[in-house]
């Protein structure tokens, strides 16, 4: 059993059932809460050199995914972190995040930005464990962030340090 990262297009046919499932999970948690201001995404945002979409495969099967796109000239925005339901709580999402960070540094980014929803405590835990700084009050009930003036998104940032990745690059 060996795991392998592979770059893919966000339009890769093998990826579509996974993306559909991911959005299905969002719908189950949030209903149409985020649909009113859903972002139109462009494929080219996730293609090198400015973006990236990766899958983690085990024995030819996609077991986890992640992506980043440009947020600004110095900052990549992480998106589409997903792990196969039967393999969660095994550190796969952390590995994907770490690989995205490594690749973002190689692409010239010095920071990471991301959002997760107010009903995703496991995602909050993941990003905190990976050194991300919350841009919201952790002591507040996350449901409060679903009410105005908030938009339901919990924001995180992280500064990338090139030297931290020099051993693995």
N, C-alpha and C. Protein backbone atom coordinates (compact mmCIF):
# COMPACT_ATOMS: atom_id res chain seq x y z
N UNK A 1 0.85 -1.18 0.00
CA UNK A 1 0.00 0.00 0.00
C UNK A 1 0.89 1.23 0.00
N UNK A 2 0.83 1.99 -1.10
CA UNK A 2 1.61 3.21 -1.15
C UNK A 2 0.72 4.37 -1.58
N UNK A 3 0.95 5.51 -0.96
CA UNK A 3 0.18 6.72 -1.27
C UNK A 3 1.01 7.59 -2.19
N UNK A 4 0.34 8.23 -3.12
CA UNK A 4 1.03 9.05 -4.11
C UNK A 4 0.20 10.30 -4.40
N UNK A 5 0.85 11.47 -4.39
CA UNK A 5 0.19 12.70 -4.80
C UNK A 5 0.27 12.82 -6.32
N UNK A 6 -0.80 13.32 -6.92
CA UNK A 6 -0.83 13.53 -8.35
C UNK A 6 -1.56 14.83 -8.64
N UNK A 7 -0.99 15.66 -9.52
CA UNK A 7 -1.66 16.88 -9.98
C UNK A 7 -2.76 16.50 -10.96
N UNK A 8 -3.90 17.16 -10.85
CA UNK A 8 -5.01 16.90 -11.77
C UNK A 8 -5.65 18.22 -12.18
N UNK A 9 -6.41 18.16 -13.23
CA UNK A 9 -7.26 19.27 -13.60
C UNK A 9 -8.53 19.19 -12.77
N UNK A 10 -9.09 20.32 -12.35
CA UNK A 10 -10.36 20.26 -11.63
C UNK A 10 -11.49 19.68 -12.48
N UNK A 11 -11.26 19.55 -13.78
CA UNK A 11 -12.25 18.97 -14.67
C UNK A 11 -11.99 17.49 -14.95
N UNK A 12 -11.00 16.90 -14.30
CA UNK A 12 -10.67 15.49 -14.47
C UNK A 12 -11.92 14.64 -14.19
N UNK A 13 -12.25 13.73 -15.08
CA UNK A 13 -13.47 12.91 -14.95
C UNK A 13 -13.46 12.10 -13.65
N UNK A 14 -12.30 11.60 -13.22
CA UNK A 14 -12.23 10.82 -11.98
C UNK A 14 -12.56 11.66 -10.75
N UNK A 15 -12.39 12.95 -10.87
CA UNK A 15 -12.59 13.86 -9.75
C UNK A 15 -14.06 14.26 -9.57
N UNK A 16 -14.83 14.22 -10.63
CA UNK A 16 -16.19 14.75 -10.59
C UNK A 16 -17.10 14.08 -9.56
N UNK A 17 -17.09 12.76 -9.43
CA UNK A 17 -17.94 12.17 -8.38
C UNK A 17 -17.52 12.61 -6.98
N UNK A 18 -16.24 12.84 -6.79
CA UNK A 18 -15.74 13.29 -5.48
C UNK A 18 -16.20 14.71 -5.21
N UNK A 19 -16.05 15.59 -6.18
CA UNK A 19 -16.49 16.99 -6.02
C UNK A 19 -18.00 17.04 -5.80
N UNK A 20 -18.74 16.24 -6.55
CA UNK A 20 -20.19 16.19 -6.34
C UNK A 20 -20.52 15.73 -4.92
N UNK A 21 -19.78 14.72 -4.44
CA UNK A 21 -19.98 14.24 -3.08
C UNK A 21 -19.64 15.28 -2.04
N UNK A 22 -18.56 16.03 -2.28
CA UNK A 22 -18.15 17.09 -1.37
C UNK A 22 -19.25 18.15 -1.27
N UNK A 23 -19.77 18.57 -2.41
CA UNK A 23 -20.84 19.56 -2.39
C UNK A 23 -22.12 18.99 -1.78
N UNK A 24 -22.31 17.68 -1.92
CA UNK A 24 -23.43 17.02 -1.25
C UNK A 24 -23.29 17.07 0.26
N UNK A 25 -22.06 16.89 0.75
CA UNK A 25 -21.81 17.01 2.19
C UNK A 25 -22.08 18.42 2.66
N UNK A 26 -21.67 19.41 1.87
CA UNK A 26 -21.95 20.81 2.23
C UNK A 26 -23.46 21.04 2.30
N UNK A 27 -24.19 20.53 1.32
CA UNK A 27 -25.64 20.72 1.29
C UNK A 27 -26.30 20.06 2.50
N UNK A 28 -25.81 18.89 2.90
CA UNK A 28 -26.37 18.21 4.07
C UNK A 28 -26.15 19.02 5.34
N UNK A 29 -25.01 19.71 5.44
CA UNK A 29 -24.72 20.51 6.64
C UNK A 29 -25.40 21.87 6.64
N UNK A 30 -25.48 22.47 5.45
CA UNK A 30 -25.88 23.88 5.38
C UNK A 30 -27.16 24.14 4.59
N UNK A 31 -27.72 23.13 3.95
CA UNK A 31 -28.86 23.40 3.08
C UNK A 31 -28.44 24.36 1.99
N UNK A 32 -29.24 25.41 1.77
CA UNK A 32 -28.87 26.38 0.74
C UNK A 32 -28.25 27.65 1.34
N UNK A 33 -27.75 27.56 2.57
CA UNK A 33 -27.20 28.73 3.26
C UNK A 33 -26.19 29.49 2.39
N UNK A 34 -25.23 28.77 1.79
CA UNK A 34 -24.19 29.44 1.02
C UNK A 34 -24.54 29.64 -0.44
N UNK A 35 -25.67 29.13 -0.90
CA UNK A 35 -25.99 29.22 -2.33
C UNK A 35 -26.30 30.64 -2.78
N UNK A 36 -26.72 31.50 -1.86
CA UNK A 36 -27.09 32.86 -2.25
C UNK A 36 -25.91 33.68 -2.74
N UNK A 37 -24.72 33.31 -2.31
CA UNK A 37 -23.54 34.06 -2.75
C UNK A 37 -22.44 33.12 -3.21
N UNK A 38 -22.86 32.02 -3.85
CA UNK A 38 -21.89 31.04 -4.34
C UNK A 38 -20.96 31.68 -5.37
N UNK A 39 -19.70 31.40 -5.20
CA UNK A 39 -18.68 31.94 -6.09
C UNK A 39 -18.63 31.13 -7.38
N UNK A 40 -18.54 31.81 -8.47
CA UNK A 40 -18.30 31.14 -9.75
C UNK A 40 -16.80 30.90 -9.81
N UNK A 41 -16.43 29.65 -10.01
CA UNK A 41 -15.00 29.32 -10.04
C UNK A 41 -14.57 28.99 -11.46
N UNK A 42 -13.36 29.38 -11.78
CA UNK A 42 -12.80 29.13 -13.09
C UNK A 42 -11.74 28.04 -13.00
N UNK A 43 -11.76 27.12 -13.93
CA UNK A 43 -10.80 26.02 -13.95
C UNK A 43 -9.36 26.53 -13.91
N UNK A 44 -9.09 27.59 -14.66
CA UNK A 44 -7.70 28.07 -14.76
C UNK A 44 -7.13 28.55 -13.42
N UNK A 45 -7.99 28.89 -12.45
CA UNK A 45 -7.49 29.29 -11.14
C UNK A 45 -6.72 28.16 -10.47
N UNK A 46 -7.03 26.91 -10.84
CA UNK A 46 -6.45 25.74 -10.18
C UNK A 46 -5.39 25.04 -11.02
N UNK A 47 -4.85 25.75 -11.98
CA UNK A 47 -3.83 25.17 -12.85
C UNK A 47 -2.53 25.94 -12.67
N UNK A 48 -1.42 25.19 -12.60
CA UNK A 48 -0.10 25.80 -12.43
C UNK A 48 0.16 26.78 -13.57
N UNK A 49 0.89 27.84 -13.31
CA UNK A 49 1.71 28.04 -12.12
C UNK A 49 1.00 28.75 -10.97
N UNK A 50 -0.17 29.38 -11.20
CA UNK A 50 -0.79 30.15 -10.13
C UNK A 50 -1.64 29.30 -9.18
N UNK A 51 -2.13 28.17 -9.64
CA UNK A 51 -2.98 27.32 -8.82
C UNK A 51 -2.57 25.87 -8.91
N UNK A 52 -3.29 25.04 -8.18
CA UNK A 52 -2.94 23.62 -8.14
C UNK A 52 -4.14 22.83 -7.63
N UNK A 53 -4.37 21.67 -8.20
CA UNK A 53 -5.36 20.73 -7.68
C UNK A 53 -4.64 19.39 -7.59
N UNK A 54 -4.65 18.79 -6.40
CA UNK A 54 -3.96 17.52 -6.21
C UNK A 54 -4.92 16.47 -5.65
N UNK A 55 -4.59 15.24 -5.94
CA UNK A 55 -5.27 14.11 -5.32
C UNK A 55 -4.20 13.26 -4.64
N UNK A 56 -4.61 12.62 -3.57
CA UNK A 56 -3.78 11.63 -2.92
C UNK A 56 -4.39 10.29 -3.26
N UNK A 57 -3.60 9.43 -3.89
CA UNK A 57 -4.09 8.14 -4.33
C UNK A 57 -3.44 7.01 -3.53
N UNK A 58 -4.21 5.96 -3.33
CA UNK A 58 -3.70 4.74 -2.71
C UNK A 58 -4.15 3.59 -3.61
N UNK A 59 -3.17 2.89 -4.13
CA UNK A 59 -3.46 1.76 -5.03
C UNK A 59 -4.40 2.18 -6.16
N UNK A 60 -4.15 3.38 -6.73
CA UNK A 60 -4.92 3.87 -7.87
C UNK A 60 -6.26 4.49 -7.53
N UNK A 61 -6.64 4.51 -6.26
CA UNK A 61 -7.92 5.09 -5.85
C UNK A 61 -7.68 6.44 -5.18
N UNK A 62 -8.48 7.44 -5.53
CA UNK A 62 -8.38 8.76 -4.90
C UNK A 62 -8.92 8.65 -3.48
N UNK A 63 -8.06 8.98 -2.49
CA UNK A 63 -8.48 8.90 -1.09
C UNK A 63 -8.58 10.26 -0.42
N UNK A 64 -8.00 11.30 -1.05
CA UNK A 64 -8.07 12.65 -0.49
C UNK A 64 -7.76 13.65 -1.61
N UNK A 65 -8.27 14.87 -1.44
CA UNK A 65 -8.03 15.92 -2.44
C UNK A 65 -7.76 17.25 -1.74
N UNK A 66 -7.24 18.16 -2.52
CA UNK A 66 -7.05 19.53 -2.06
C UNK A 66 -6.61 20.39 -3.22
N UNK A 67 -6.77 21.68 -3.04
CA UNK A 67 -6.42 22.62 -4.11
C UNK A 67 -6.05 23.96 -3.51
N UNK A 68 -5.40 24.76 -4.32
CA UNK A 68 -5.28 26.18 -3.99
C UNK A 68 -5.40 26.98 -5.25
N UNK A 69 -5.82 28.21 -5.06
CA UNK A 69 -5.93 29.18 -6.14
C UNK A 69 -5.35 30.48 -5.62
N UNK A 70 -5.05 31.42 -6.50
CA UNK A 70 -4.53 32.70 -6.01
C UNK A 70 -5.59 33.47 -5.24
N UNK A 71 -5.20 34.00 -4.09
CA UNK A 71 -6.05 34.91 -3.32
C UNK A 71 -5.60 36.33 -3.64
N UNK A 72 -4.29 36.54 -3.61
CA UNK A 72 -3.65 37.77 -4.09
C UNK A 72 -2.26 37.36 -4.56
N UNK A 73 -1.42 38.33 -4.90
CA UNK A 73 -0.11 37.99 -5.48
C UNK A 73 0.79 37.19 -4.54
N UNK A 74 0.65 37.37 -3.24
CA UNK A 74 1.51 36.68 -2.28
C UNK A 74 0.81 35.53 -1.55
N UNK A 75 -0.48 35.40 -1.73
CA UNK A 75 -1.27 34.48 -0.91
C UNK A 75 -2.06 33.50 -1.76
N UNK A 76 -1.95 32.22 -1.41
CA UNK A 76 -2.76 31.18 -2.04
C UNK A 76 -3.96 30.92 -1.14
N UNK A 77 -5.08 30.55 -1.74
CA UNK A 77 -6.28 30.21 -0.98
C UNK A 77 -6.54 28.71 -1.12
N UNK A 78 -6.55 28.02 -0.01
CA UNK A 78 -6.80 26.58 -0.01
C UNK A 78 -8.29 26.32 -0.18
N UNK A 79 -8.58 25.31 -1.00
CA UNK A 79 -9.96 24.91 -1.30
C UNK A 79 -10.02 23.39 -1.44
N UNK A 80 -11.22 22.85 -1.42
CA UNK A 80 -11.53 21.46 -1.78
C UNK A 80 -10.78 20.40 -0.99
N UNK A 81 -10.58 20.64 0.31
CA UNK A 81 -9.99 19.60 1.16
C UNK A 81 -11.06 18.55 1.40
N UNK A 82 -10.76 17.33 1.03
CA UNK A 82 -11.71 16.23 1.16
C UNK A 82 -10.94 14.95 1.44
N UNK A 83 -11.53 14.09 2.26
CA UNK A 83 -10.98 12.76 2.53
C UNK A 83 -12.11 11.75 2.41
N UNK A 84 -11.81 10.61 1.84
CA UNK A 84 -12.77 9.51 1.75
C UNK A 84 -13.36 9.26 3.14
N UNK A 85 -14.68 9.16 3.23
CA UNK A 85 -15.35 9.00 4.53
C UNK A 85 -14.83 7.82 5.34
N UNK A 86 -14.46 6.75 4.68
CA UNK A 86 -14.01 5.55 5.40
C UNK A 86 -12.58 5.67 5.90
N UNK A 87 -11.88 6.75 5.51
CA UNK A 87 -10.48 6.92 5.89
C UNK A 87 -10.23 8.18 6.72
N UNK A 88 -11.28 8.79 7.21
CA UNK A 88 -11.11 10.03 7.98
C UNK A 88 -10.48 9.75 9.33
N UNK A 89 -9.94 10.80 9.94
CA UNK A 89 -9.27 10.74 11.25
C UNK A 89 -7.98 9.92 11.20
N UNK A 90 -7.34 9.89 10.03
CA UNK A 90 -6.08 9.17 9.88
C UNK A 90 -4.94 10.09 9.44
N UNK A 91 -5.18 11.41 9.42
CA UNK A 91 -4.14 12.35 9.07
C UNK A 91 -3.99 12.61 7.58
N UNK A 92 -4.88 12.10 6.76
CA UNK A 92 -4.76 12.30 5.31
C UNK A 92 -4.98 13.75 4.92
N UNK A 93 -5.97 14.41 5.51
CA UNK A 93 -6.23 15.82 5.19
C UNK A 93 -5.03 16.68 5.59
N UNK A 94 -4.41 16.36 6.72
CA UNK A 94 -3.21 17.11 7.14
C UNK A 94 -2.10 16.92 6.12
N UNK A 95 -1.94 15.72 5.61
CA UNK A 95 -0.91 15.48 4.58
C UNK A 95 -1.19 16.29 3.33
N UNK A 96 -2.46 16.37 2.93
CA UNK A 96 -2.83 17.16 1.76
C UNK A 96 -2.53 18.63 2.00
N UNK A 97 -2.91 19.15 3.17
CA UNK A 97 -2.64 20.55 3.49
C UNK A 97 -1.14 20.82 3.47
N UNK A 98 -0.35 19.95 4.04
CA UNK A 98 1.10 20.12 4.06
C UNK A 98 1.69 20.10 2.65
N UNK A 99 1.18 19.24 1.80
CA UNK A 99 1.66 19.20 0.41
C UNK A 99 1.26 20.46 -0.33
N UNK A 100 0.05 20.94 -0.11
CA UNK A 100 -0.37 22.20 -0.73
C UNK A 100 0.51 23.35 -0.28
N UNK A 101 0.83 23.40 1.01
CA UNK A 101 1.72 24.45 1.51
C UNK A 101 3.09 24.37 0.85
N UNK A 102 3.63 23.16 0.77
CA UNK A 102 4.96 22.97 0.16
C UNK A 102 4.96 23.44 -1.28
N UNK A 103 3.92 23.06 -2.01
CA UNK A 103 3.84 23.43 -3.41
C UNK A 103 3.57 24.93 -3.58
N UNK A 104 2.81 25.53 -2.66
CA UNK A 104 2.56 26.97 -2.73
C UNK A 104 3.87 27.74 -2.55
N UNK A 105 4.71 27.29 -1.63
CA UNK A 105 6.02 27.93 -1.45
C UNK A 105 6.83 27.83 -2.74
N UNK A 106 6.85 26.66 -3.34
CA UNK A 106 7.59 26.48 -4.60
C UNK A 106 7.05 27.37 -5.71
N UNK A 107 5.76 27.67 -5.65
CA UNK A 107 5.13 28.55 -6.65
C UNK A 107 5.33 30.02 -6.34
N UNK A 108 5.98 30.33 -5.20
CA UNK A 108 6.29 31.71 -4.87
C UNK A 108 5.35 32.38 -3.88
N UNK A 109 4.40 31.66 -3.34
CA UNK A 109 3.49 32.25 -2.36
C UNK A 109 4.17 32.31 -0.99
N UNK A 110 3.82 33.33 -0.22
CA UNK A 110 4.37 33.48 1.14
C UNK A 110 3.29 33.36 2.22
N UNK A 111 2.06 33.18 1.80
CA UNK A 111 0.98 33.05 2.78
C UNK A 111 -0.14 32.19 2.25
N UNK A 112 -0.96 31.71 3.18
CA UNK A 112 -2.14 30.91 2.85
C UNK A 112 -3.35 31.55 3.53
N UNK A 113 -4.45 31.54 2.84
CA UNK A 113 -5.73 32.00 3.34
C UNK A 113 -6.72 30.86 3.08
N UNK A 114 -7.69 30.69 3.97
CA UNK A 114 -8.73 29.71 3.71
C UNK A 114 -9.95 30.04 4.54
N UNK A 115 -11.06 29.50 4.12
CA UNK A 115 -12.29 29.60 4.90
C UNK A 115 -12.87 28.21 5.05
N UNK A 116 -13.58 28.02 6.13
CA UNK A 116 -14.39 26.83 6.32
C UNK A 116 -15.72 27.30 6.88
N UNK A 117 -16.69 26.42 6.88
CA UNK A 117 -18.01 26.81 7.34
C UNK A 117 -18.18 26.69 8.84
N UNK A 118 -19.17 27.37 9.35
CA UNK A 118 -19.41 27.43 10.80
C UNK A 118 -19.89 26.10 11.37
N UNK A 119 -20.24 25.14 10.52
CA UNK A 119 -20.67 23.81 10.99
C UNK A 119 -19.66 22.72 10.63
N UNK A 120 -18.38 23.09 10.62
CA UNK A 120 -17.34 22.12 10.29
C UNK A 120 -16.26 22.12 11.38
N UNK A 121 -16.61 21.65 12.59
CA UNK A 121 -15.63 21.68 13.68
C UNK A 121 -14.40 20.82 13.40
N UNK A 122 -14.56 19.76 12.63
CA UNK A 122 -13.40 18.93 12.31
C UNK A 122 -12.41 19.69 11.42
N UNK A 123 -12.91 20.55 10.54
CA UNK A 123 -12.03 21.37 9.71
C UNK A 123 -11.32 22.42 10.56
N UNK A 124 -12.05 23.03 11.49
CA UNK A 124 -11.43 24.00 12.40
C UNK A 124 -10.29 23.33 13.16
N UNK A 125 -10.55 22.15 13.68
CA UNK A 125 -9.52 21.40 14.42
C UNK A 125 -8.31 21.10 13.53
N UNK A 126 -8.55 20.69 12.30
CA UNK A 126 -7.46 20.41 11.36
C UNK A 126 -6.59 21.64 11.16
N UNK A 127 -7.20 22.77 10.84
CA UNK A 127 -6.41 23.97 10.52
C UNK A 127 -5.68 24.50 11.75
N UNK A 128 -6.29 24.43 12.90
CA UNK A 128 -5.58 24.83 14.12
C UNK A 128 -4.38 23.92 14.36
N UNK A 129 -4.54 22.62 14.13
CA UNK A 129 -3.44 21.67 14.34
C UNK A 129 -2.30 21.88 13.36
N UNK A 130 -2.58 22.53 12.24
CA UNK A 130 -1.56 22.78 11.23
C UNK A 130 -0.96 24.19 11.34
N UNK A 131 -1.28 24.89 12.43
CA UNK A 131 -0.66 26.18 12.68
C UNK A 131 -1.35 27.37 12.04
N UNK A 132 -2.57 27.20 11.61
CA UNK A 132 -3.31 28.31 11.01
C UNK A 132 -3.86 29.21 12.11
N UNK A 133 -3.83 30.52 11.86
CA UNK A 133 -4.33 31.50 12.82
C UNK A 133 -5.79 31.82 12.50
N UNK A 134 -6.69 31.57 13.44
CA UNK A 134 -8.10 31.90 13.20
C UNK A 134 -8.28 33.41 13.17
N UNK A 135 -9.11 33.87 12.25
CA UNK A 135 -9.42 35.29 12.14
C UNK A 135 -10.82 35.54 12.71
N UNK A 136 -11.17 34.74 13.72
CA UNK A 136 -12.46 34.82 14.39
C UNK A 136 -12.23 34.36 15.83
N UNK A 137 -13.21 34.58 16.67
CA UNK A 137 -13.11 34.25 18.09
C UNK A 137 -13.47 32.78 18.31
N UNK A 138 -12.48 31.99 18.71
CA UNK A 138 -12.69 30.56 18.94
C UNK A 138 -13.63 30.29 20.12
N UNK A 139 -13.77 31.26 21.01
CA UNK A 139 -14.63 31.08 22.19
C UNK A 139 -16.10 31.38 21.91
N UNK A 140 -16.38 31.87 20.74
CA UNK A 140 -17.75 32.21 20.36
C UNK A 140 -18.42 30.96 19.78
N UNK A 141 -19.72 30.81 19.98
CA UNK A 141 -20.47 29.72 19.37
C UNK A 141 -20.39 29.88 17.85
N UNK A 142 -19.88 28.86 17.13
CA UNK A 142 -19.74 29.01 15.68
C UNK A 142 -21.04 29.35 14.96
N UNK A 143 -22.17 28.93 15.51
CA UNK A 143 -23.46 29.26 14.87
C UNK A 143 -23.69 30.77 14.81
N UNK A 144 -23.09 31.53 15.74
CA UNK A 144 -23.24 32.99 15.70
C UNK A 144 -22.69 33.57 14.41
N UNK A 145 -21.71 32.87 13.81
CA UNK A 145 -21.11 33.36 12.57
C UNK A 145 -22.01 33.17 11.36
N UNK A 146 -23.17 32.54 11.57
CA UNK A 146 -24.13 32.38 10.48
C UNK A 146 -25.12 33.55 10.44
N UNK A 147 -25.02 34.46 11.40
CA UNK A 147 -25.95 35.58 11.49
C UNK A 147 -25.24 36.89 11.12
N UNK A 148 -25.97 37.84 10.52
CA UNK A 148 -25.36 39.15 10.22
C UNK A 148 -24.78 39.77 11.48
N UNK A 149 -23.65 40.42 11.38
CA UNK A 149 -23.00 40.88 10.15
C UNK A 149 -22.06 39.84 9.54
N UNK A 150 -22.07 38.61 10.03
CA UNK A 150 -21.16 37.58 9.54
C UNK A 150 -21.75 36.87 8.33
N UNK A 151 -20.90 36.13 7.61
CA UNK A 151 -21.35 35.45 6.39
C UNK A 151 -21.23 33.93 6.48
N UNK A 152 -20.98 33.39 7.68
CA UNK A 152 -20.90 31.94 7.85
C UNK A 152 -19.54 31.35 7.62
N UNK A 153 -18.61 32.16 7.15
CA UNK A 153 -17.27 31.65 6.85
C UNK A 153 -16.32 31.94 8.01
N UNK A 154 -15.60 30.91 8.40
CA UNK A 154 -14.56 31.04 9.42
C UNK A 154 -13.23 31.13 8.69
N UNK A 155 -12.56 32.25 8.87
CA UNK A 155 -11.34 32.52 8.10
C UNK A 155 -10.08 32.17 8.90
N UNK A 156 -9.08 31.67 8.16
CA UNK A 156 -7.77 31.34 8.73
C UNK A 156 -6.68 31.88 7.82
N UNK A 157 -5.53 32.21 8.43
CA UNK A 157 -4.36 32.60 7.66
C UNK A 157 -3.13 31.90 8.21
N UNK A 158 -2.13 31.82 7.38
CA UNK A 158 -0.85 31.24 7.80
C UNK A 158 0.25 31.82 6.93
N UNK A 159 1.35 32.19 7.57
CA UNK A 159 2.53 32.63 6.85
C UNK A 159 3.36 31.40 6.51
N UNK A 160 3.77 31.31 5.26
CA UNK A 160 4.60 30.20 4.83
C UNK A 160 6.07 30.59 4.93
N UNK A 161 6.86 29.71 5.48
CA UNK A 161 8.29 29.96 5.64
C UNK A 161 9.03 29.00 4.71
N UNK A 162 9.69 29.57 3.71
CA UNK A 162 10.37 28.76 2.69
C UNK A 162 11.34 27.76 3.31
N UNK A 163 12.06 28.18 4.35
CA UNK A 163 13.05 27.30 4.97
C UNK A 163 12.42 26.04 5.57
N UNK A 164 11.17 26.15 6.01
CA UNK A 164 10.48 25.01 6.60
C UNK A 164 10.28 23.89 5.58
N UNK A 165 10.32 24.24 4.31
CA UNK A 165 10.08 23.27 3.25
C UNK A 165 11.34 22.88 2.50
N UNK A 166 12.49 23.46 2.86
CA UNK A 166 13.71 23.20 2.10
C UNK A 166 14.16 21.75 2.19
N UNK A 167 13.86 21.08 3.31
CA UNK A 167 14.26 19.68 3.47
C UNK A 167 13.45 18.76 2.58
N UNK A 168 12.17 19.13 2.33
CA UNK A 168 11.31 18.23 1.56
C UNK A 168 11.16 18.66 0.10
N UNK A 169 11.71 19.82 -0.24
CA UNK A 169 11.55 20.31 -1.61
C UNK A 169 12.54 19.67 -2.56
